[in-house]
């Protein structure tokens, strides 16, 4: 195999890869052997037709495409390695010669990692964020905890907004029942707006044991098109009215929900945690502002193919995350009305930003000789081991050399982010 390299504009390169005729012939024979069991020609038993007869009957190109798919991946991988280029995209393949008895030739256009010229990256000016925590924010957190510690009790009074009513309901349109229009023992929170507009309002004031006739009109944009805009009547029977009972917010409440003896101590702790959260948010925002400015100051030419590959990888990662939730990409596309291409196009701006950030951080790492010590690496492995409840040595074994190197690169990138953020000037 031989490879020729042609450097193109905008950090692109074309590899012309030539596979010897003998190797392509072997691939053709491999394709024949795989498919011969499906081939029938009069005068021969199925699966026993000689390769030469198949090629005479259907033409010599019958196995070319499959043979090409056999030889191209390995040939491209070898050519990419021999080229010594830092390739950062999937190859765009074009077959230029595919003929029996001749060398198989194809080209692969690829993006090459761009060079980065850093502009100003130390002493970047950013607006200072003042951290304040109000009493209202503390009270809101306490309210959430109060809500979590509430209990539902049955009451013998007319239902009010915020109450839960347990109902049976049966809906009709022009006297006829319709799909999905009935249920028994349904718990409905009044004021939640989870039912058709106007439905819940008509149950306010109802008591346990009462029957209520609810009149509503389905919205014009209702998801079930056959019901949109139609008037319906729901016969409802109220079985129970429930409300939430909340604990008093006092010292006893603080003792029940925290490690503190007084409400004042509990509030102070909440304020501390809100402050820490806001400080972390401000730190992240500062880092992002600094990175945006450094990217703006830097010079680099990002090839489109690099962005396209990054976006495609992001689609693959998104599909994997969906699979963990039990969803396929086809289901996601049905729900959203998107397709693979439109999703990839939507991700391209973020893909470009990710590439720019990574390249700039690598340039900062090189300029400042940022390194990751063994202690820093081992500390990260210990964190991973704790998260996955594994031994640190087992984590290292699973990562392997490549995985360990990627961890070190990520740690170096984080150190670079912290370096430029710490060097920034807040005004």
Protein backbone atom coordinates (compact mmCIF):
# COMPACT_ATOMS: atom_id res chain seq x y z
CA UNK A 1 0.00 0.00 0.00
CA UNK A 2 1.16 3.53 -0.73
CA UNK A 3 -0.11 6.95 0.31
CA UNK A 4 0.36 10.39 -1.18
CA UNK A 5 -0.43 13.54 0.80
CA UNK A 6 -1.71 16.79 -0.67
CA UNK A 7 -2.17 19.73 1.69
CA UNK A 8 -5.30 21.74 0.91
CA UNK A 9 -6.61 25.12 2.08
CA UNK A 10 -8.10 25.80 5.50
CA UNK A 11 -6.25 22.99 7.33
CA UNK A 12 -7.50 20.21 5.06
CA UNK A 13 -5.47 17.42 3.48
CA UNK A 14 -6.14 14.80 0.83
CA UNK A 15 -4.67 11.32 1.22
CA UNK A 16 -4.49 9.31 -2.00
CA UNK A 17 -4.33 5.68 -0.95
CA UNK A 18 -3.35 2.91 -3.34
CA UNK A 19 -4.08 -0.72 -2.43
CA UNK A 20 -2.24 -3.37 -4.50
CA UNK A 21 -4.35 -5.27 -7.04
CA UNK A 22 -3.63 -8.60 -5.29
CA UNK A 23 -5.15 -7.35 -2.01
CA UNK A 24 -8.22 -6.05 -3.80
CA UNK A 25 -8.55 -9.41 -5.59
CA UNK A 26 -8.48 -11.20 -2.23
CA UNK A 27 -11.22 -8.87 -0.99
CA UNK A 28 -13.34 -9.67 -4.08
CA UNK A 29 -12.93 -13.39 -3.37
CA UNK A 30 -13.89 -12.79 0.26
CA UNK A 31 -17.06 -11.01 -0.89
CA UNK A 32 -17.82 -13.90 -3.27
CA UNK A 33 -17.39 -16.49 -0.49
CA UNK A 34 -19.71 -14.55 1.77
CA UNK A 35 -22.47 -14.32 -0.84
CA UNK A 36 -22.13 -17.49 -2.90
CA UNK A 37 -24.71 -19.35 -0.83
CA UNK A 38 -27.36 -16.92 -2.10
CA UNK A 39 -26.45 -17.18 -5.80
CA UNK A 40 -28.31 -19.46 -8.21
CA UNK A 41 -27.40 -20.06 -11.87
CA UNK A 42 -29.04 -22.77 -14.01
CA UNK A 43 -26.84 -25.84 -14.21
CA UNK A 44 -25.22 -25.30 -10.81
CA UNK A 45 -26.33 -26.18 -7.32
CA UNK A 46 -27.04 -23.19 -5.09
CA UNK A 47 -23.82 -22.10 -3.40
CA UNK A 48 -21.63 -24.04 -5.85
CA UNK A 49 -21.43 -21.50 -8.68
CA UNK A 50 -17.75 -20.71 -9.42
CA UNK A 51 -16.70 -17.11 -8.93
CA UNK A 52 -15.73 -16.72 -12.59
CA UNK A 53 -19.21 -17.84 -13.70
CA UNK A 54 -20.90 -15.35 -11.35
CA UNK A 55 -18.74 -12.54 -12.71
CA UNK A 56 -19.49 -13.55 -16.32
CA UNK A 57 -23.22 -13.67 -15.60
CA UNK A 58 -23.55 -10.46 -13.55
CA UNK A 59 -20.42 -8.55 -14.52
CA UNK A 60 -17.07 -8.33 -12.71
CA UNK A 61 -18.27 -5.35 -10.63
CA UNK A 62 -20.81 -7.42 -8.71
CA UNK A 63 -18.51 -7.77 -5.67
CA UNK A 64 -16.60 -4.48 -6.01
CA UNK A 65 -18.55 -2.44 -3.47
CA UNK A 66 -18.35 -5.06 -0.74
CA UNK A 67 -14.68 -5.71 -1.49
CA UNK A 68 -13.99 -1.96 -1.24
CA UNK A 69 -15.69 -1.90 2.17
CA UNK A 70 -13.34 -4.66 3.28
CA UNK A 71 -10.10 -2.97 2.24
CA UNK A 72 -10.80 0.72 2.89
CA UNK A 73 -11.00 0.84 6.72
CA UNK A 74 -7.67 -0.92 7.28
CA UNK A 75 -5.97 0.90 4.40
CA UNK A 76 -7.18 4.28 5.63
CA UNK A 77 -6.06 3.55 9.21
CA UNK A 78 -2.57 2.61 8.01
CA UNK A 79 -2.38 5.62 5.69
CA UNK A 80 -3.47 8.00 8.46
CA UNK A 81 -0.75 6.60 10.72
CA UNK A 82 1.92 6.79 8.03
CA UNK A 83 0.97 10.37 7.16
CA UNK A 84 2.04 11.63 10.62
CA UNK A 85 -0.79 14.16 10.35
CA UNK A 86 -2.88 15.05 13.40
CA UNK A 87 -6.24 14.23 11.83
CA UNK A 88 -9.28 15.73 13.60
CA UNK A 89 -12.22 14.69 11.42
CA UNK A 90 -13.85 11.70 9.91
CA UNK A 91 -12.58 11.09 6.35
CA UNK A 92 -14.57 12.04 3.26
CA UNK A 93 -13.95 9.04 0.99
CA UNK A 94 -13.96 9.04 -2.80
CA UNK A 95 -13.06 5.97 -4.89
CA UNK A 96 -11.03 6.93 -7.96
CA UNK A 97 -10.06 3.51 -9.36
CA UNK A 98 -11.85 0.22 -8.79
CA UNK A 99 -11.22 -2.35 -11.51
CA UNK A 100 -10.31 -6.02 -11.57
CA UNK A 101 -6.60 -6.59 -12.06
CA UNK A 102 -5.68 -3.01 -11.16
CA UNK A 103 -4.68 -1.32 -7.92
CA UNK A 104 -7.62 -0.08 -5.89
CA UNK A 105 -7.26 3.69 -5.38
CA UNK A 106 -9.30 5.98 -3.18
CA UNK A 107 -8.89 9.40 -1.60
CA UNK A 108 -9.67 10.55 1.92
CA UNK A 109 -10.11 14.25 2.65
CA UNK A 110 -9.49 15.03 6.31
CA UNK A 111 -9.18 18.03 8.60
CA UNK A 112 -5.82 18.68 10.22
CA UNK A 113 -5.53 20.08 13.73
CA UNK A 114 -5.21 23.87 13.35
CA UNK A 115 -2.38 25.87 14.81
CA UNK A 116 -3.35 28.47 17.40
CA UNK A 117 -1.73 31.84 17.88
CA UNK A 118 -2.65 33.17 21.29
CA UNK A 119 -3.45 36.83 21.71
CA UNK A 120 -3.81 38.36 25.16
CA UNK A 121 -4.69 35.62 27.64
CA UNK A 122 -3.36 36.92 30.96
CA UNK A 123 -4.88 39.92 32.71
CA UNK A 124 -8.21 39.67 30.90
CA UNK A 125 -10.66 42.23 32.30
CA UNK A 126 -14.05 40.93 33.47
CA UNK A 127 -16.91 42.44 35.42
CA UNK A 128 -16.85 41.54 39.10
CA UNK A 129 -19.86 39.65 40.46
CA UNK A 130 -21.03 40.68 43.91
CA UNK A 131 -22.32 37.78 46.01
CA UNK A 132 -25.36 38.58 48.17
CA UNK A 133 -27.89 36.32 49.84
CA UNK A 134 -31.23 37.81 50.91
CA UNK A 135 -33.51 36.73 53.75
CA UNK A 136 -36.13 35.94 51.09
CA UNK A 137 -33.82 33.42 49.44
CA UNK A 138 -33.18 31.72 52.78
CA UNK A 139 -36.91 31.64 53.54
CA UNK A 140 -37.61 30.15 50.10
CA UNK A 141 -35.23 27.27 50.84
CA UNK A 142 -36.91 26.69 54.19
CA UNK A 143 -40.31 26.70 52.48
CA UNK A 144 -39.11 23.93 50.16
CA UNK A 145 -38.08 21.82 53.16
CA UNK A 146 -41.40 22.60 54.85
CA UNK A 147 -43.19 21.41 51.71
CA UNK A 148 -41.15 18.18 51.68
CA UNK A 149 -42.12 17.54 55.30
CA UNK A 150 -45.83 18.24 54.87
CA UNK A 151 -48.46 15.54 55.14
CA UNK A 152 -51.77 15.11 53.38
CA UNK A 153 -54.90 14.89 55.51
CA UNK A 154 -58.55 14.35 54.62
CA UNK A 155 -60.84 17.29 55.47
CA UNK A 156 -64.60 17.54 55.82
CA UNK A 157 -65.07 20.92 54.12
CA UNK A 158 -65.59 22.31 50.60
CA UNK A 159 -62.56 21.96 48.33
CA UNK A 160 -60.29 24.97 47.87
CA UNK A 161 -57.54 25.78 45.37
CA UNK A 162 -54.44 23.84 46.39
CA UNK A 163 -56.48 20.94 47.75
CA UNK A 164 -56.43 17.47 46.21
CA UNK A 165 -59.76 15.94 45.23
CA UNK A 166 -60.14 12.23 44.55
CA UNK A 167 -62.71 11.86 41.78
CA UNK A 168 -64.33 9.53 39.28
CA UNK A 169 -65.14 11.26 36.02
CA UNK A 170 -66.76 10.30 32.73
CA UNK A 171 -66.75 12.69 29.79
CA UNK A 172 -69.12 12.89 26.84
CA UNK A 173 -69.38 14.97 23.69
CA UNK A 174 -72.92 15.32 22.33
CA UNK A 175 -73.88 12.52 24.71
CA UNK A 176 -71.25 10.06 23.43
CA UNK A 177 -68.24 8.86 25.45
CA UNK A 178 -64.77 9.33 23.93
CA UNK A 179 -61.38 7.67 24.34
CA UNK A 180 -59.43 8.85 27.38
CA UNK A 181 -62.43 10.74 28.76
CA UNK A 182 -62.99 8.71 31.93
CA UNK A 183 -61.13 7.52 35.01
CA UNK A 184 -61.80 6.32 38.55
CA UNK A 185 -60.05 7.30 41.75
CA UNK A 186 -58.08 10.07 40.07
CA UNK A 187 -56.21 12.48 42.38
CA UNK A 188 -56.41 16.04 41.04
CA UNK A 189 -54.72 19.07 42.61
CA UNK A 190 -57.03 22.04 42.16
CA UNK A 191 -55.20 25.00 40.67
CA UNK A 192 -52.49 22.83 39.12
CA UNK A 193 -53.89 23.48 35.62
CA UNK A 194 -53.21 19.87 34.73
CA UNK A 195 -56.71 19.41 33.26
CA UNK A 196 -58.57 21.25 30.52
CA UNK A 197 -58.93 24.98 31.27
CA UNK A 198 -62.01 25.57 33.46
CA UNK A 199 -62.27 21.96 34.68
CA UNK A 200 -60.59 22.44 38.06
CA UNK A 201 -62.35 25.76 38.77
CA UNK A 202 -65.73 24.01 38.70
CA UNK A 203 -64.66 21.59 41.44
CA UNK A 204 -63.75 24.37 43.87
CA UNK A 205 -66.43 24.27 46.60
CA UNK A 206 -67.29 20.60 46.05
CA UNK A 207 -67.51 18.32 49.09
CA UNK A 208 -66.85 14.60 49.57
CA UNK A 209 -69.79 12.55 48.29
CA UNK A 210 -71.07 15.24 45.92
CA UNK A 211 -71.67 14.93 42.18
CA UNK A 212 -70.56 17.78 39.94
CA UNK A 213 -71.29 18.27 36.23
CA UNK A 214 -68.32 20.02 34.63
CA UNK A 215 -68.75 21.85 31.31
CA UNK A 216 -65.60 22.64 29.33
CA UNK A 217 -64.42 23.34 25.79
CA UNK A 218 -61.27 21.64 24.52
CA UNK A 219 -58.64 24.15 23.34
CA UNK A 220 -58.30 24.66 19.59
CA UNK A 221 -54.68 23.48 19.79
CA UNK A 222 -55.47 20.38 21.85
CA UNK A 223 -53.10 17.50 21.06
CA UNK A 224 -55.97 15.14 20.16
CA UNK A 225 -57.19 16.75 16.94
CA UNK A 226 -60.56 14.95 17.05
CA UNK A 227 -61.36 16.72 20.36
CA UNK A 228 -59.90 20.17 19.61
CA UNK A 229 -62.46 22.96 19.96
CA UNK A 230 -65.31 20.67 21.03
CA UNK A 231 -67.60 21.15 24.04
CA UNK A 232 -67.64 18.34 26.58
CA UNK A 233 -69.51 17.45 29.75
CA UNK A 234 -67.83 15.50 32.57
CA UNK A 235 -69.91 13.77 35.22
CA UNK A 236 -67.72 13.85 38.34
CA UNK A 237 -68.13 12.15 41.69
CA UNK A 238 -66.00 13.55 44.51
CA UNK A 239 -64.84 10.86 46.94
CA UNK A 240 -62.38 12.78 49.10
CA UNK A 241 -61.04 16.28 49.71
CA UNK A 242 -57.46 16.39 50.98
CA UNK A 243 -55.21 19.23 52.02
CA UNK A 244 -51.61 19.54 53.12
CA UNK A 245 -50.68 20.10 56.72
CA UNK A 246 -47.37 21.92 57.18
CA UNK A 247 -45.07 21.84 60.22
CA UNK A 248 -44.48 25.09 62.07
CA UNK A 249 -41.18 26.74 61.17
CA UNK A 250 -39.54 27.01 64.58
CA UNK A 251 -36.67 25.55 66.62
CA UNK A 252 -38.38 22.16 66.73
CA UNK A 253 -38.66 22.17 62.94
CA UNK A 254 -34.96 22.97 62.65
CA UNK A 255 -34.12 20.07 64.99
CA UNK A 256 -36.26 17.68 62.91
CA UNK A 257 -34.82 18.58 59.51
CA UNK A 258 -31.21 19.46 60.35
CA UNK A 259 -28.37 18.94 62.79
CA UNK A 260 -29.01 22.30 64.46
CA UNK A 261 -30.86 23.08 67.68
CA UNK A 262 -32.24 26.47 66.71
CA UNK A 263 -33.94 27.99 63.72
CA UNK A 264 -31.38 30.80 63.69
CA UNK A 265 -28.49 28.31 63.35
CA UNK A 266 -30.35 26.44 60.63
CA UNK A 267 -30.95 29.67 58.69
CA UNK A 268 -27.28 30.60 58.98
CA UNK A 269 -26.30 27.21 57.55
CA UNK A 270 -28.71 27.61 54.64
CA UNK A 271 -27.28 31.06 53.96
CA UNK A 272 -23.78 29.56 53.95
CA UNK A 273 -24.76 26.90 51.38
CA UNK A 274 -26.53 29.41 49.14
CA UNK A 275 -23.43 31.62 49.31
CA UNK A 276 -21.19 28.69 48.32
CA UNK A 277 -23.49 27.81 45.42
CA UNK A 278 -23.50 31.39 44.17
CA UNK A 279 -19.72 31.60 44.52
CA UNK A 280 -19.34 28.45 42.41
CA UNK A 281 -21.76 29.83 39.83
CA UNK A 282 -19.87 33.13 39.75
CA UNK A 283 -16.57 31.28 39.38
CA UNK A 284 -17.92 29.28 36.42
CA UNK A 285 -19.36 32.42 34.84
CA UNK A 286 -16.05 34.23 35.27
CA UNK A 287 -14.13 31.35 33.70
CA UNK A 288 -16.51 31.31 30.74
CA UNK A 289 -16.20 35.08 30.21
CA UNK A 290 -12.40 34.84 30.33
CA UNK A 291 -12.38 31.91 27.89
CA UNK A 292 -14.70 33.77 25.49
CA UNK A 293 -12.32 36.74 25.49
CA UNK A 294 -9.22 34.57 25.00
CA UNK A 295 -10.88 32.79 22.08
CA UNK A 296 -11.78 36.18 20.60
CA UNK A 297 -8.14 37.31 20.96
CA UNK A 298 -6.67 34.12 19.47
CA UNK A 299 -6.09 33.34 15.79
CA UNK A 300 -7.04 29.92 14.44
CA UNK A 301 -8.66 28.57 11.29
CA UNK A 302 -11.13 25.79 12.12
CA UNK A 303 -11.95 23.51 9.16
CA UNK A 304 -15.64 22.82 8.59
CA UNK A 305 -15.00 19.08 8.60
CA UNK A 306 -13.63 19.33 12.15
CA UNK A 307 -16.81 21.06 13.33
CA UNK A 308 -18.97 18.55 11.46
CA UNK A 309 -17.17 15.64 13.12
CA UNK A 310 -17.46 17.22 16.58
CA UNK A 311 -21.20 17.78 16.06
CA UNK A 312 -21.64 14.19 14.86
CA UNK A 313 -19.83 12.96 17.98
CA UNK A 314 -22.15 15.08 20.12
CA UNK A 315 -25.17 13.47 18.42
CA UNK A 316 -23.71 10.03 19.21
CA UNK A 317 -23.17 11.02 22.85
CA UNK A 318 -26.73 12.36 23.05
CA UNK A 319 -28.07 9.09 21.63
CA UNK A 320 -26.13 7.19 24.29
CA UNK A 321 -27.58 9.35 27.07
CA UNK A 322 -31.08 8.78 25.70
CA UNK A 323 -30.49 5.02 25.64
CA UNK A 324 -29.74 5.14 29.38
CA UNK A 325 -33.24 6.59 29.80
CA UNK A 326 -34.77 3.84 27.65
CA UNK A 327 -35.31 6.05 24.59
CA UNK A 328 -34.08 5.58 21.04
CA UNK A 329 -33.11 8.37 18.66
CA UNK A 330 -36.05 7.44 16.42
CA UNK A 331 -38.42 8.05 19.36
CA UNK A 332 -36.68 11.34 20.14
CA UNK A 333 -37.04 12.47 16.52
CA UNK A 334 -40.75 11.57 16.60
CA UNK A 335 -41.28 13.63 19.76
CA UNK A 336 -39.31 16.66 18.55
CA UNK A 337 -39.90 16.63 14.80
CA UNK A 338 -36.14 16.76 14.25
CA UNK A 339 -33.93 14.40 12.26
CA UNK A 340 -30.24 13.47 12.53
CA UNK A 341 -29.14 16.29 10.22
CA UNK A 342 -31.19 19.05 11.84
CA UNK A 343 -30.02 17.96 15.30
CA UNK A 344 -26.41 18.00 14.11
CA UNK A 345 -26.89 21.46 12.57
CA UNK A 346 -28.31 22.74 15.88
CA UNK A 347 -25.26 21.41 17.72
CA UNK A 348 -22.67 22.93 15.37
CA UNK A 349 -22.37 26.32 17.15
CA UNK A 350 -21.63 24.54 20.45
CA UNK A 351 -19.33 22.11 18.62
CA UNK A 352 -17.31 25.06 17.25
CA UNK A 353 -17.09 26.64 20.71
CA UNK A 354 -15.93 23.35 22.24
CA UNK A 355 -13.19 23.03 19.61
CA UNK A 356 -12.05 26.63 20.07
CA UNK A 357 -11.93 26.22 23.86
CA UNK A 358 -9.94 23.00 23.66
CA UNK A 359 -7.41 24.39 21.17
CA UNK A 360 -6.91 27.59 23.14
CA UNK A 361 -6.44 25.67 26.41
CA UNK A 362 -3.88 23.39 24.75
CA UNK A 363 -2.01 26.50 23.60
CA UNK A 364 -2.09 27.95 27.14
CA UNK A 365 -0.87 24.63 28.57
CA UNK A 366 2.08 24.72 26.15
CA UNK A 367 2.84 28.40 26.74
CA UNK A 368 2.79 28.08 30.53
CA UNK A 369 4.30 24.58 30.73
CA UNK A 370 1.32 23.36 32.74
CA UNK A 371 1.77 19.78 33.93
CA UNK A 372 -0.26 17.30 35.96
CA UNK A 373 1.61 15.72 38.85
CA UNK A 374 1.28 12.09 39.87
CA UNK A 375 -0.42 13.21 43.08
CA UNK A 376 -3.02 15.21 41.14
CA UNK A 377 -3.66 12.29 38.80
CA UNK A 378 -3.95 9.80 41.68
CA UNK A 379 -6.31 12.12 43.55
CA UNK A 380 -8.60 12.20 40.51
CA UNK A 381 -8.49 8.41 40.27
CA UNK A 382 -9.45 8.19 43.96
CA UNK A 383 -12.47 10.42 43.27
CA UNK A 384 -13.52 8.20 40.38
CA UNK A 385 -13.01 5.08 42.48
CA UNK A 386 -15.21 6.49 45.25
CA UNK A 387 -17.92 7.51 42.75
CA UNK A 388 -18.02 4.04 41.17
CA UNK A 389 -17.36 2.20 44.45
CA UNK A 390 -14.28 0.50 43.02
CA UNK A 391 -10.64 0.10 43.97
CA UNK A 392 -8.34 2.77 42.53
CA UNK A 393 -6.11 0.15 40.91
CA UNK A 394 -9.14 -1.36 39.18
CA UNK A 395 -10.10 2.06 37.79
CA UNK A 396 -6.58 2.51 36.40
CA UNK A 397 -6.73 -0.95 34.85
CA UNK A 398 -10.04 -0.21 33.15
CA UNK A 399 -8.83 3.17 31.89
CA UNK A 400 -5.69 1.76 30.31
CA UNK A 401 -2.93 3.99 28.97
CA UNK A 402 -5.15 5.94 26.57
CA UNK A 403 -7.84 6.56 29.19
CA UNK A 404 -5.25 7.65 31.76
CA UNK A 405 -3.74 10.04 29.23
CA UNK A 406 -7.17 11.55 28.55
CA UNK A 407 -7.71 12.06 32.29
CA UNK A 408 -4.37 13.89 32.51
CA UNK A 409 -5.30 16.07 29.52
CA UNK A 410 -8.62 16.98 31.17
CA UNK A 411 -6.87 17.83 34.42
CA UNK A 412 -4.31 19.98 32.58
CA UNK A 413 -7.13 21.77 30.75
CA UNK A 414 -8.87 22.49 34.05
CA UNK A 415 -5.61 23.85 35.51
CA UNK A 416 -5.26 26.08 32.44
CA UNK A 417 -8.82 27.40 32.90
CA UNK A 418 -8.10 28.19 36.55
CA UNK A 419 -4.77 29.80 35.60
CA UNK A 420 -6.28 32.28 33.11
CA UNK A 421 -9.26 32.97 35.41
CA UNK A 422 -6.99 33.66 38.38
CA UNK A 423 -4.89 35.95 36.19
CA UNK A 424 -7.97 37.92 35.09
CA UNK A 425 -8.68 41.38 36.48
CA UNK A 426 -12.14 41.94 37.97
CA UNK A 427 -13.56 45.45 37.70
